[in-house]
N, C-alpha and C. Protein backbone atom coordinates (compact mmCIF):
# COMPACT_ATOMS: atom_id res chain seq x y z
N MET A 1 -95.13 -45.41 -41.77
CA MET A 1 -95.98 -46.00 -40.74
C MET A 1 -96.87 -44.92 -40.13
N THR A 2 -98.11 -45.25 -39.92
CA THR A 2 -99.06 -44.34 -39.29
C THR A 2 -99.33 -44.83 -37.87
N LEU A 3 -99.21 -43.92 -36.92
CA LEU A 3 -99.45 -44.26 -35.52
C LEU A 3 -100.92 -44.56 -35.29
N LYS A 4 -101.19 -45.63 -34.56
CA LYS A 4 -102.57 -46.03 -34.27
C LYS A 4 -102.81 -46.04 -32.76
N ALA A 5 -104.00 -45.63 -32.38
CA ALA A 5 -104.38 -45.61 -30.97
C ALA A 5 -104.28 -47.01 -30.36
N SER A 6 -104.59 -48.02 -31.16
CA SER A 6 -104.58 -49.40 -30.66
C SER A 6 -103.16 -49.93 -30.42
N ASP A 7 -102.16 -49.22 -30.93
CA ASP A 7 -100.77 -49.69 -30.80
C ASP A 7 -99.99 -48.98 -29.70
N ILE A 8 -100.61 -48.00 -29.03
CA ILE A 8 -99.90 -47.25 -28.00
C ILE A 8 -100.70 -47.23 -26.71
N SER A 9 -100.04 -46.83 -25.62
CA SER A 9 -100.73 -46.73 -24.34
C SER A 9 -100.21 -45.51 -23.58
N GLU A 10 -101.04 -45.01 -22.68
CA GLU A 10 -100.64 -43.87 -21.85
C GLU A 10 -99.39 -44.24 -21.07
N GLY A 11 -98.46 -43.29 -21.01
CA GLY A 11 -97.20 -43.50 -20.32
C GLY A 11 -96.10 -44.06 -21.20
N GLN A 12 -96.44 -44.55 -22.36
CA GLN A 12 -95.44 -45.10 -23.27
C GLN A 12 -94.52 -43.98 -23.75
N GLU A 13 -93.23 -44.31 -23.91
CA GLU A 13 -92.25 -43.32 -24.33
C GLU A 13 -91.56 -43.75 -25.61
N PHE A 14 -91.22 -42.74 -26.41
CA PHE A 14 -90.47 -42.93 -27.65
C PHE A 14 -89.31 -41.94 -27.62
N SER A 15 -88.11 -42.38 -28.00
CA SER A 15 -86.95 -41.49 -28.00
C SER A 15 -86.25 -41.56 -29.35
N GLU A 16 -85.66 -40.42 -29.73
CA GLU A 16 -84.92 -40.33 -30.98
C GLU A 16 -83.83 -39.27 -30.86
N VAL A 17 -82.64 -39.58 -31.35
CA VAL A 17 -81.58 -38.59 -31.45
C VAL A 17 -81.93 -37.68 -32.62
N VAL A 18 -82.04 -36.37 -32.36
CA VAL A 18 -82.47 -35.43 -33.39
C VAL A 18 -81.33 -34.53 -33.89
N ALA A 19 -80.23 -34.51 -33.17
CA ALA A 19 -79.04 -33.76 -33.61
C ALA A 19 -77.84 -34.43 -32.96
N GLU A 20 -76.85 -34.73 -33.77
CA GLU A 20 -75.66 -35.38 -33.24
C GLU A 20 -74.45 -34.48 -33.50
N ASN A 21 -73.77 -34.10 -32.42
CA ASN A 21 -72.59 -33.26 -32.50
C ASN A 21 -72.87 -32.01 -33.35
N LEU A 22 -73.84 -31.22 -32.90
CA LEU A 22 -74.26 -30.01 -33.61
C LEU A 22 -73.04 -29.12 -33.85
N THR A 23 -72.88 -28.65 -35.08
CA THR A 23 -71.70 -27.85 -35.43
C THR A 23 -72.04 -26.36 -35.51
N ARG A 24 -71.00 -25.55 -35.41
CA ARG A 24 -71.16 -24.11 -35.60
C ARG A 24 -71.67 -23.84 -37.02
N THR A 25 -71.19 -24.61 -37.98
CA THR A 25 -71.64 -24.44 -39.36
C THR A 25 -73.14 -24.66 -39.47
N GLN A 26 -73.67 -25.68 -38.81
CA GLN A 26 -75.11 -25.92 -38.84
C GLN A 26 -75.88 -24.76 -38.21
N ILE A 27 -75.33 -24.19 -37.13
CA ILE A 27 -75.98 -23.05 -36.47
C ILE A 27 -76.00 -21.84 -37.41
N VAL A 28 -74.88 -21.58 -38.11
CA VAL A 28 -74.82 -20.47 -39.06
C VAL A 28 -75.74 -20.73 -40.25
N GLN A 29 -75.81 -21.98 -40.71
CA GLN A 29 -76.72 -22.31 -41.80
C GLN A 29 -78.17 -22.04 -41.37
N TYR A 30 -78.49 -22.37 -40.12
CA TYR A 30 -79.85 -22.09 -39.64
C TYR A 30 -80.09 -20.58 -39.61
N ALA A 31 -79.09 -19.80 -39.20
CA ALA A 31 -79.24 -18.34 -39.22
C ALA A 31 -79.59 -17.87 -40.62
N GLY A 32 -78.92 -18.43 -41.61
CA GLY A 32 -79.19 -18.05 -43.00
C GLY A 32 -80.58 -18.45 -43.46
N SER A 33 -81.00 -19.64 -43.09
CA SER A 33 -82.32 -20.09 -43.56
C SER A 33 -83.46 -19.41 -42.80
N SER A 34 -83.22 -19.02 -41.55
CA SER A 34 -84.28 -18.39 -40.76
C SER A 34 -84.27 -16.87 -40.88
N GLY A 35 -83.13 -16.31 -41.30
CA GLY A 35 -83.00 -14.85 -41.34
C GLY A 35 -82.68 -14.24 -40.00
N ASP A 36 -82.40 -15.06 -39.00
CA ASP A 36 -82.08 -14.58 -37.65
C ASP A 36 -80.56 -14.54 -37.50
N TYR A 37 -79.99 -13.36 -37.73
CA TYR A 37 -78.54 -13.20 -37.68
C TYR A 37 -78.06 -12.59 -36.37
N ASN A 38 -78.80 -12.79 -35.29
CA ASN A 38 -78.36 -12.28 -34.00
C ASN A 38 -76.94 -12.77 -33.76
N PRO A 39 -76.00 -11.88 -33.45
CA PRO A 39 -74.59 -12.28 -33.33
C PRO A 39 -74.31 -13.30 -32.21
N ILE A 40 -75.22 -13.48 -31.26
CA ILE A 40 -74.98 -14.51 -30.23
C ILE A 40 -75.03 -15.92 -30.81
N HIS A 41 -75.53 -16.03 -32.04
CA HIS A 41 -75.59 -17.33 -32.71
C HIS A 41 -74.47 -17.52 -33.73
N THR A 42 -73.82 -16.42 -34.13
CA THR A 42 -72.87 -16.53 -35.25
C THR A 42 -71.50 -15.90 -35.01
N ASP A 43 -71.38 -15.01 -34.06
CA ASP A 43 -70.14 -14.25 -33.86
C ASP A 43 -69.52 -14.60 -32.50
N GLU A 44 -68.50 -15.44 -32.54
CA GLU A 44 -67.86 -15.92 -31.31
C GLU A 44 -67.30 -14.77 -30.47
N VAL A 45 -66.62 -13.83 -31.08
CA VAL A 45 -66.02 -12.72 -30.34
C VAL A 45 -67.10 -11.88 -29.66
N TYR A 46 -68.13 -11.51 -30.39
CA TYR A 46 -69.24 -10.74 -29.82
C TYR A 46 -69.87 -11.50 -28.66
N THR A 47 -70.13 -12.78 -28.88
CA THR A 47 -70.83 -13.58 -27.88
C THR A 47 -70.02 -13.66 -26.59
N LYS A 48 -68.71 -13.81 -26.69
CA LYS A 48 -67.87 -13.90 -25.49
C LYS A 48 -67.62 -12.54 -24.85
N GLU A 49 -67.20 -11.56 -25.65
CA GLU A 49 -66.73 -10.29 -25.10
C GLU A 49 -67.86 -9.31 -24.77
N ILE A 50 -68.92 -9.33 -25.52
CA ILE A 50 -70.00 -8.36 -25.29
C ILE A 50 -71.17 -9.00 -24.55
N ALA A 51 -71.59 -10.16 -25.02
CA ALA A 51 -72.78 -10.80 -24.43
C ALA A 51 -72.44 -11.61 -23.18
N GLY A 52 -71.18 -12.01 -23.02
CA GLY A 52 -70.76 -12.70 -21.81
C GLY A 52 -71.04 -14.19 -21.76
N TYR A 53 -71.30 -14.80 -22.90
CA TYR A 53 -71.51 -16.25 -22.96
C TYR A 53 -70.19 -16.94 -23.30
N PRO A 54 -70.05 -18.21 -22.98
CA PRO A 54 -68.81 -18.91 -23.27
C PRO A 54 -68.60 -19.22 -24.76
N SER A 55 -69.66 -19.18 -25.55
CA SER A 55 -69.57 -19.51 -26.97
C SER A 55 -70.88 -19.12 -27.64
N VAL A 56 -70.88 -19.16 -28.96
CA VAL A 56 -72.15 -19.01 -29.67
C VAL A 56 -73.04 -20.18 -29.28
N PHE A 57 -74.34 -20.03 -29.46
CA PHE A 57 -75.26 -21.13 -29.17
C PHE A 57 -76.38 -21.13 -30.18
N ALA A 58 -77.07 -22.26 -30.27
CA ALA A 58 -78.10 -22.45 -31.29
C ALA A 58 -79.34 -21.60 -31.01
N HIS A 59 -80.04 -21.27 -32.05
CA HIS A 59 -81.33 -20.60 -31.97
C HIS A 59 -82.31 -21.53 -31.26
N GLY A 60 -83.19 -20.97 -30.46
CA GLY A 60 -84.23 -21.79 -29.84
C GLY A 60 -85.07 -22.50 -30.88
N MET A 61 -85.37 -21.81 -31.97
CA MET A 61 -86.20 -22.42 -33.01
C MET A 61 -85.49 -23.57 -33.72
N LEU A 62 -84.15 -23.57 -33.73
CA LEU A 62 -83.44 -24.70 -34.29
C LEU A 62 -83.70 -25.95 -33.44
N SER A 63 -83.63 -25.79 -32.13
CA SER A 63 -83.88 -26.95 -31.25
C SER A 63 -85.35 -27.34 -31.28
N MET A 64 -86.26 -26.37 -31.44
CA MET A 64 -87.68 -26.69 -31.56
C MET A 64 -87.94 -27.45 -32.86
N GLY A 65 -87.31 -27.02 -33.93
CA GLY A 65 -87.47 -27.69 -35.21
C GLY A 65 -86.94 -29.11 -35.18
N ALA A 66 -85.77 -29.30 -34.56
CA ALA A 66 -85.22 -30.64 -34.44
C ALA A 66 -86.14 -31.53 -33.61
N THR A 67 -86.70 -30.97 -32.55
CA THR A 67 -87.64 -31.70 -31.71
C THR A 67 -88.88 -32.08 -32.52
N GLY A 68 -89.34 -31.16 -33.35
CA GLY A 68 -90.50 -31.41 -34.19
C GLY A 68 -90.31 -32.57 -35.15
N VAL A 69 -89.08 -32.79 -35.59
CA VAL A 69 -88.79 -33.92 -36.47
C VAL A 69 -89.13 -35.23 -35.77
N ALA A 70 -88.77 -35.35 -34.51
CA ALA A 70 -89.09 -36.58 -33.76
C ALA A 70 -90.60 -36.77 -33.66
N ILE A 71 -91.32 -35.68 -33.49
CA ILE A 71 -92.78 -35.79 -33.38
C ILE A 71 -93.37 -36.28 -34.70
N THR A 72 -93.00 -35.64 -35.80
CA THR A 72 -93.57 -36.07 -37.09
C THR A 72 -93.08 -37.45 -37.49
N ASN A 73 -91.88 -37.82 -37.09
CA ASN A 73 -91.42 -39.19 -37.36
C ASN A 73 -92.30 -40.21 -36.64
N LEU A 74 -92.81 -39.84 -35.47
CA LEU A 74 -93.69 -40.74 -34.71
C LEU A 74 -95.12 -40.74 -35.24
N VAL A 75 -95.70 -39.57 -35.44
CA VAL A 75 -97.13 -39.50 -35.77
C VAL A 75 -97.40 -39.45 -37.27
N GLY A 76 -96.42 -39.07 -38.06
CA GLY A 76 -96.61 -38.96 -39.50
C GLY A 76 -96.78 -37.51 -39.94
N ASP A 77 -96.51 -37.26 -41.20
CA ASP A 77 -96.63 -35.92 -41.76
C ASP A 77 -98.09 -35.49 -41.82
N GLY A 78 -98.33 -34.22 -41.59
CA GLY A 78 -99.65 -33.63 -41.73
C GLY A 78 -100.65 -34.01 -40.65
N ARG A 79 -100.18 -34.58 -39.54
CA ARG A 79 -101.08 -35.03 -38.49
C ARG A 79 -101.00 -34.19 -37.22
N LEU A 80 -99.98 -33.37 -37.12
CA LEU A 80 -99.78 -32.54 -35.94
C LEU A 80 -100.83 -31.43 -35.91
N THR A 81 -101.54 -31.29 -34.78
CA THR A 81 -102.57 -30.26 -34.66
C THR A 81 -102.20 -29.17 -33.67
N LYS A 82 -101.26 -29.45 -32.79
CA LYS A 82 -100.84 -28.47 -31.78
C LYS A 82 -99.42 -28.82 -31.34
N TYR A 83 -98.60 -27.78 -31.18
CA TYR A 83 -97.21 -27.99 -30.76
C TYR A 83 -96.71 -26.71 -30.12
N GLY A 84 -96.23 -26.81 -28.91
CA GLY A 84 -95.66 -25.66 -28.22
C GLY A 84 -94.57 -26.08 -27.27
N VAL A 85 -93.55 -25.24 -27.15
CA VAL A 85 -92.42 -25.57 -26.26
C VAL A 85 -91.95 -24.33 -25.52
N ARG A 86 -91.11 -24.60 -24.51
CA ARG A 86 -90.32 -23.59 -23.81
C ARG A 86 -88.87 -23.97 -24.01
N PHE A 87 -88.04 -22.97 -24.19
CA PHE A 87 -86.60 -23.20 -24.29
C PHE A 87 -86.04 -23.05 -22.88
N VAL A 88 -85.54 -24.14 -22.30
CA VAL A 88 -85.15 -24.11 -20.89
C VAL A 88 -83.65 -24.04 -20.66
N ASN A 89 -82.86 -24.36 -21.67
CA ASN A 89 -81.40 -24.22 -21.59
C ASN A 89 -80.84 -24.04 -22.99
N GLN A 90 -79.66 -23.45 -23.07
CA GLN A 90 -79.02 -23.25 -24.37
C GLN A 90 -78.53 -24.57 -24.96
N VAL A 91 -78.44 -24.57 -26.28
CA VAL A 91 -77.88 -25.68 -27.04
C VAL A 91 -76.56 -25.16 -27.63
N TRP A 92 -75.48 -25.85 -27.30
CA TRP A 92 -74.12 -25.41 -27.66
C TRP A 92 -73.56 -26.24 -28.82
N PRO A 93 -72.60 -25.67 -29.53
CA PRO A 93 -71.90 -26.48 -30.54
C PRO A 93 -71.34 -27.74 -29.86
N GLY A 94 -71.46 -28.85 -30.56
CA GLY A 94 -70.99 -30.13 -30.01
C GLY A 94 -72.07 -30.92 -29.30
N ASP A 95 -73.20 -30.29 -29.01
CA ASP A 95 -74.28 -31.00 -28.32
C ASP A 95 -74.91 -32.07 -29.20
N THR A 96 -75.30 -33.15 -28.56
CA THR A 96 -76.13 -34.18 -29.17
C THR A 96 -77.47 -34.12 -28.46
N LEU A 97 -78.54 -34.01 -29.23
CA LEU A 97 -79.88 -33.82 -28.66
C LEU A 97 -80.73 -35.06 -28.88
N THR A 98 -81.39 -35.48 -27.81
CA THR A 98 -82.32 -36.61 -27.86
C THR A 98 -83.68 -36.15 -27.40
N THR A 99 -84.68 -36.43 -28.21
CA THR A 99 -86.06 -36.09 -27.88
C THR A 99 -86.77 -37.31 -27.33
N THR A 100 -87.50 -37.11 -26.24
CA THR A 100 -88.35 -38.15 -25.67
C THR A 100 -89.79 -37.66 -25.73
N LEU A 101 -90.64 -38.50 -26.28
CA LEU A 101 -92.06 -38.22 -26.40
C LEU A 101 -92.81 -39.19 -25.51
N SER A 102 -93.57 -38.67 -24.56
CA SER A 102 -94.34 -39.50 -23.63
C SER A 102 -95.83 -39.35 -23.93
N VAL A 103 -96.51 -40.47 -24.07
CA VAL A 103 -97.94 -40.44 -24.35
C VAL A 103 -98.67 -40.04 -23.07
N GLU A 104 -99.26 -38.85 -23.08
CA GLU A 104 -100.01 -38.35 -21.93
C GLU A 104 -101.44 -38.88 -21.95
N SER A 105 -102.04 -38.86 -23.14
CA SER A 105 -103.40 -39.38 -23.27
C SER A 105 -103.70 -39.74 -24.72
N ILE A 106 -104.66 -40.62 -24.86
CA ILE A 106 -105.21 -41.00 -26.16
C ILE A 106 -106.70 -40.73 -26.03
N ARG A 107 -107.24 -39.97 -26.96
CA ARG A 107 -108.65 -39.59 -26.81
C ARG A 107 -109.34 -39.55 -28.16
N GLU A 108 -110.66 -39.58 -28.09
CA GLU A 108 -111.49 -39.49 -29.28
C GLU A 108 -112.34 -38.23 -29.16
N ASP A 109 -112.45 -37.51 -30.27
CA ASP A 109 -113.26 -36.31 -30.31
C ASP A 109 -113.93 -36.25 -31.67
N GLY A 110 -115.26 -36.39 -31.69
CA GLY A 110 -116.01 -36.33 -32.94
C GLY A 110 -115.63 -37.41 -33.93
N GLY A 111 -115.28 -38.57 -33.42
CA GLY A 111 -114.91 -39.68 -34.29
C GLY A 111 -113.45 -39.71 -34.71
N GLN A 112 -112.70 -38.68 -34.34
CA GLN A 112 -111.26 -38.62 -34.66
C GLN A 112 -110.46 -38.92 -33.40
N PHE A 113 -109.44 -39.76 -33.52
CA PHE A 113 -108.56 -40.07 -32.40
C PHE A 113 -107.38 -39.10 -32.38
N TYR A 114 -106.96 -38.77 -31.15
CA TYR A 114 -105.83 -37.87 -30.95
C TYR A 114 -104.91 -38.46 -29.89
N VAL A 115 -103.63 -38.13 -30.02
CA VAL A 115 -102.67 -38.46 -28.98
C VAL A 115 -102.10 -37.13 -28.46
N ASP A 116 -102.06 -36.99 -27.15
CA ASP A 116 -101.44 -35.84 -26.49
C ASP A 116 -100.09 -36.31 -25.97
N LEU A 117 -99.05 -35.59 -26.34
CA LEU A 117 -97.68 -35.98 -26.00
C LEU A 117 -97.02 -34.94 -25.10
N ILE A 118 -96.23 -35.41 -24.16
CA ILE A 118 -95.32 -34.55 -23.41
C ILE A 118 -93.99 -34.65 -24.13
N VAL A 119 -93.40 -33.51 -24.44
CA VAL A 119 -92.21 -33.44 -25.27
C VAL A 119 -91.04 -32.93 -24.43
N SER A 120 -89.90 -33.61 -24.54
CA SER A 120 -88.70 -33.17 -23.84
C SER A 120 -87.48 -33.51 -24.69
N THR A 121 -86.62 -32.52 -24.89
CA THR A 121 -85.36 -32.75 -25.58
C THR A 121 -84.23 -32.40 -24.62
N SER A 122 -83.26 -33.31 -24.54
CA SER A 122 -82.11 -33.14 -23.62
C SER A 122 -80.82 -33.30 -24.39
N ASN A 123 -79.76 -32.72 -23.81
CA ASN A 123 -78.45 -32.88 -24.43
C ASN A 123 -77.77 -34.15 -23.93
N GLN A 124 -76.56 -34.35 -24.36
CA GLN A 124 -75.81 -35.57 -24.04
C GLN A 124 -75.53 -35.72 -22.54
N ASP A 125 -75.66 -34.64 -21.78
CA ASP A 125 -75.45 -34.69 -20.33
C ASP A 125 -76.76 -34.89 -19.57
N GLY A 126 -77.86 -35.08 -20.32
CA GLY A 126 -79.16 -35.26 -19.68
C GLY A 126 -79.82 -33.95 -19.28
N ARG A 127 -79.24 -32.84 -19.67
CA ARG A 127 -79.81 -31.52 -19.34
C ARG A 127 -80.91 -31.17 -20.34
N GLU A 128 -82.11 -30.94 -19.84
CA GLU A 128 -83.23 -30.62 -20.70
C GLU A 128 -83.02 -29.25 -21.35
N VAL A 129 -83.25 -29.17 -22.66
CA VAL A 129 -83.11 -27.91 -23.38
C VAL A 129 -84.43 -27.42 -23.95
N VAL A 130 -85.37 -28.34 -24.20
CA VAL A 130 -86.70 -28.00 -24.72
C VAL A 130 -87.72 -28.81 -23.94
N ARG A 131 -88.81 -28.16 -23.56
CA ARG A 131 -89.90 -28.84 -22.85
C ARG A 131 -91.21 -28.34 -23.43
N GLY A 132 -92.15 -29.25 -23.67
CA GLY A 132 -93.42 -28.81 -24.22
C GLY A 132 -94.43 -29.91 -24.39
N SER A 133 -95.35 -29.67 -25.32
CA SER A 133 -96.42 -30.64 -25.57
C SER A 133 -96.80 -30.60 -27.03
N ALA A 134 -97.47 -31.66 -27.46
CA ALA A 134 -97.94 -31.74 -28.84
C ALA A 134 -99.19 -32.61 -28.86
N THR A 135 -100.02 -32.34 -29.84
CA THR A 135 -101.22 -33.14 -30.09
C THR A 135 -101.24 -33.49 -31.56
N ALA A 136 -101.62 -34.72 -31.87
CA ALA A 136 -101.68 -35.16 -33.27
C ALA A 136 -102.86 -36.09 -33.49
N LYS A 137 -103.38 -36.04 -34.71
CA LYS A 137 -104.40 -37.00 -35.12
C LYS A 137 -103.74 -38.37 -35.30
N ILE A 138 -104.44 -39.41 -34.87
CA ILE A 138 -103.95 -40.77 -35.08
C ILE A 138 -105.11 -41.64 -35.55
N ASP A 139 -104.77 -42.77 -36.12
CA ASP A 139 -105.78 -43.72 -36.55
C ASP A 139 -106.26 -44.53 -35.34
N PRO A 140 -107.46 -45.13 -35.45
CA PRO A 140 -108.00 -45.91 -34.32
C PRO A 140 -107.13 -47.08 -33.89
């Protein structure tokens, strides 16, 4: 499905679960695929005893990537023109993440329609972990 400007309105929201019961194994797999082996993501003893955190936690880019899936699921592949986030809280093993995309504006520029989205991903407790924005090309 391709998102169309005629099918959405400003203020409209879309939500999607992007990670359910995130596991330590998934976090370690992400370390392997990204090449980011910082021990705060993979070594429980180091993370607790040296870094002072209660447990290992996910890479910020893992939560950004999961959030990005919700965006492309909404707007379609190859349509994203801008995407940026801030990591506002850690993502822990066992977390379930839900992304909410809010339509900030629908606009036309040079004959091409765009949607500007406010992006927010929260855990199962409603605590926001990712906050940002995205812009994508859409059909009229």
